[in-house]
Amino acid sequence: MRRSASSRAALALLSVKAFALGALLALTVGIYVNAAAELDSTPPSAMNMDAYTQVVQKKMADHECSVTGFGADQVPTSALVRTPHGKLRMVSFDEGWAVFTGDARGTLVAVCLDEAPPAR
């Protein structure tokens, strides 16, 4: 049985479409597998802490700080503030409040129960 030219062209077109679909599928699966492998190789966040995070956590523990505040029976007396230059400073609660309200530059990190050291 002889195939006509149009049936051969249709078969060729079908083959090209199947090849393109297969290539797209292989590429998609390859990208997914690669992304999944990278996620699995990421170390736990506790082991991946940067130096800044470690400094913040140490200061917070040393000065009894909280990022969410304290109950009504405890009044914070100081605050941890990150300056616009990235330095972490312990300041009075009033200075921390000024940063929080936008009256002073920086970012409020936490409020603390420990007294702020005297200003230099």
Protein backbone atom coordinates (compact mmCIF):
# COMPACT_ATOMS: atom_id res chain seq x y z
CA MET A 1 0.00 0.00 0.00
CA ARG A 2 1.38 3.36 -1.01
CA ARG A 3 1.02 6.41 1.07
CA SER A 4 0.16 9.65 -0.52
CA ALA A 5 2.35 12.71 -0.19
CA SER A 6 -0.12 14.36 2.16
CA SER A 7 -0.12 11.40 4.56
CA ARG A 8 3.70 11.36 4.60
CA ALA A 9 3.74 15.09 5.35
CA ALA A 10 1.20 14.60 8.12
CA LEU A 11 3.31 11.77 9.57
CA ALA A 12 6.45 13.95 9.40
CA LEU A 13 4.63 16.84 11.07
CA LEU A 14 3.36 14.51 13.79
CA SER A 15 6.91 13.24 14.36
CA VAL A 16 8.27 16.78 14.68
CA LYS A 17 5.52 17.71 17.14
CA ALA A 18 6.18 14.57 19.21
CA PHE A 19 9.92 15.32 19.27
CA ALA A 20 9.30 18.96 20.34
CA LEU A 21 6.88 17.88 23.07
CA GLY A 22 9.35 15.28 24.34
CA ALA A 23 12.18 17.82 24.41
CA LEU A 24 10.01 20.32 26.31
CA LEU A 25 8.99 17.64 28.80
CA ALA A 26 12.61 16.55 29.33
CA LEU A 27 13.69 20.16 29.88
CA THR A 28 10.88 20.79 32.38
CA VAL A 29 11.63 17.63 34.35
CA GLY A 30 15.35 18.40 34.31
CA ILE A 31 14.79 21.88 35.73
CA TYR A 32 12.48 20.50 38.43
CA VAL A 33 14.93 17.76 39.45
CA ASN A 34 17.80 20.26 39.59
CA ALA A 35 15.79 22.70 41.74
CA ALA A 36 14.69 19.92 44.09
CA ALA A 37 18.30 18.74 44.48
CA GLU A 38 19.43 22.27 45.37
CA LEU A 39 16.70 22.58 48.01
CA ASP A 40 17.67 19.26 49.57
CA SER A 41 21.34 20.30 49.81
CA THR A 42 20.60 23.53 51.74
CA PRO A 43 21.87 23.22 55.32
CA PRO A 44 19.43 23.74 58.19
CA SER A 45 18.77 27.38 59.00
CA ALA A 46 20.37 27.06 62.44
CA MET A 47 23.65 26.13 60.79
CA ASN A 48 23.28 28.79 58.10
CA MET A 49 22.99 31.82 60.42
CA ASP A 50 25.02 34.78 59.35
CA ALA A 51 27.17 36.77 61.75
CA TYR A 52 24.62 39.58 62.09
CA THR A 53 21.88 37.17 63.19
CA GLN A 54 24.20 35.65 65.77
CA VAL A 55 25.07 39.10 67.16
CA VAL A 56 21.38 40.04 67.39
CA GLN A 57 20.47 36.82 69.16
CA LYS A 58 23.34 37.20 71.65
CA LYS A 59 22.43 40.82 72.46
CA MET A 60 18.76 39.87 72.83
CA ALA A 61 19.65 37.10 75.30
CA ASP A 62 22.15 39.23 77.22
CA HIS A 63 19.76 42.17 77.68
CA GLU A 64 16.41 40.34 78.06
CA CYS A 65 14.95 41.61 74.78
CA SER A 66 11.80 40.71 72.90
CA VAL A 67 10.64 41.43 69.36
CA THR A 68 6.98 41.24 70.42
CA GLY A 69 7.08 43.21 73.68
CA PHE A 70 6.28 42.19 77.24
CA GLY A 71 3.16 41.80 79.33
CA ALA A 72 1.57 44.69 81.24
CA ASP A 73 3.61 43.84 84.34
CA GLN A 74 6.98 44.44 82.64
CA VAL A 75 7.97 47.78 81.11
CA PRO A 76 10.90 47.90 78.68
CA THR A 77 13.66 50.36 79.55
CA SER A 78 15.82 50.08 76.43
CA ALA A 79 15.76 48.98 72.83
CA LEU A 80 17.95 47.39 70.17
CA VAL A 81 18.15 49.51 67.03
CA ARG A 82 19.90 48.89 63.72
CA THR A 83 21.42 52.14 62.45
CA PRO A 84 21.19 53.15 58.78
CA HIS A 85 24.84 52.00 58.52
CA GLY A 86 23.90 48.51 59.75
CA LYS A 87 25.38 48.74 63.26
CA LEU A 88 23.36 47.25 66.14
CA ARG A 89 23.04 49.65 69.08
CA MET A 90 21.38 49.43 72.47
CA VAL A 91 19.58 52.71 73.18
CA SER A 92 17.08 54.06 75.67
CA PHE A 93 13.46 53.09 75.20
CA ASP A 94 12.66 56.69 74.19
CA GLU A 95 15.27 56.56 71.41
CA GLY A 96 13.90 53.19 70.28
CA TRP A 97 10.39 54.65 70.23
CA ALA A 98 11.59 57.55 68.08
CA VAL A 99 13.01 55.05 65.59
CA PHE A 100 9.76 53.06 65.66
CA THR A 101 7.62 56.13 64.94
CA GLY A 102 9.97 57.36 62.22
CA ASP A 103 11.19 60.42 64.13
CA ALA A 104 14.73 58.99 64.14
CA ARG A 105 16.59 57.01 61.49
CA GLY A 106 17.16 53.28 61.78
CA THR A 107 15.16 50.12 62.38
CA LEU A 108 13.76 48.98 65.72
CA VAL A 109 14.89 45.39 66.29
CA ALA A 110 13.60 44.67 69.83
CA VAL A 111 12.67 46.19 73.17
CA CYS A 112 14.60 45.20 76.29
CA LEU A 113 14.22 45.02 80.06
CA ASP A 114 17.92 45.68 80.71
CA GLU A 115 19.08 49.28 81.18
CA ALA A 116 20.76 50.90 78.20
CA PRO A 117 24.38 51.83 78.77
CA PRO A 118 24.99 55.57 79.22
CA ALA A 119 25.31 57.52 75.97
CA ARG A 120 28.85 58.31 74.91
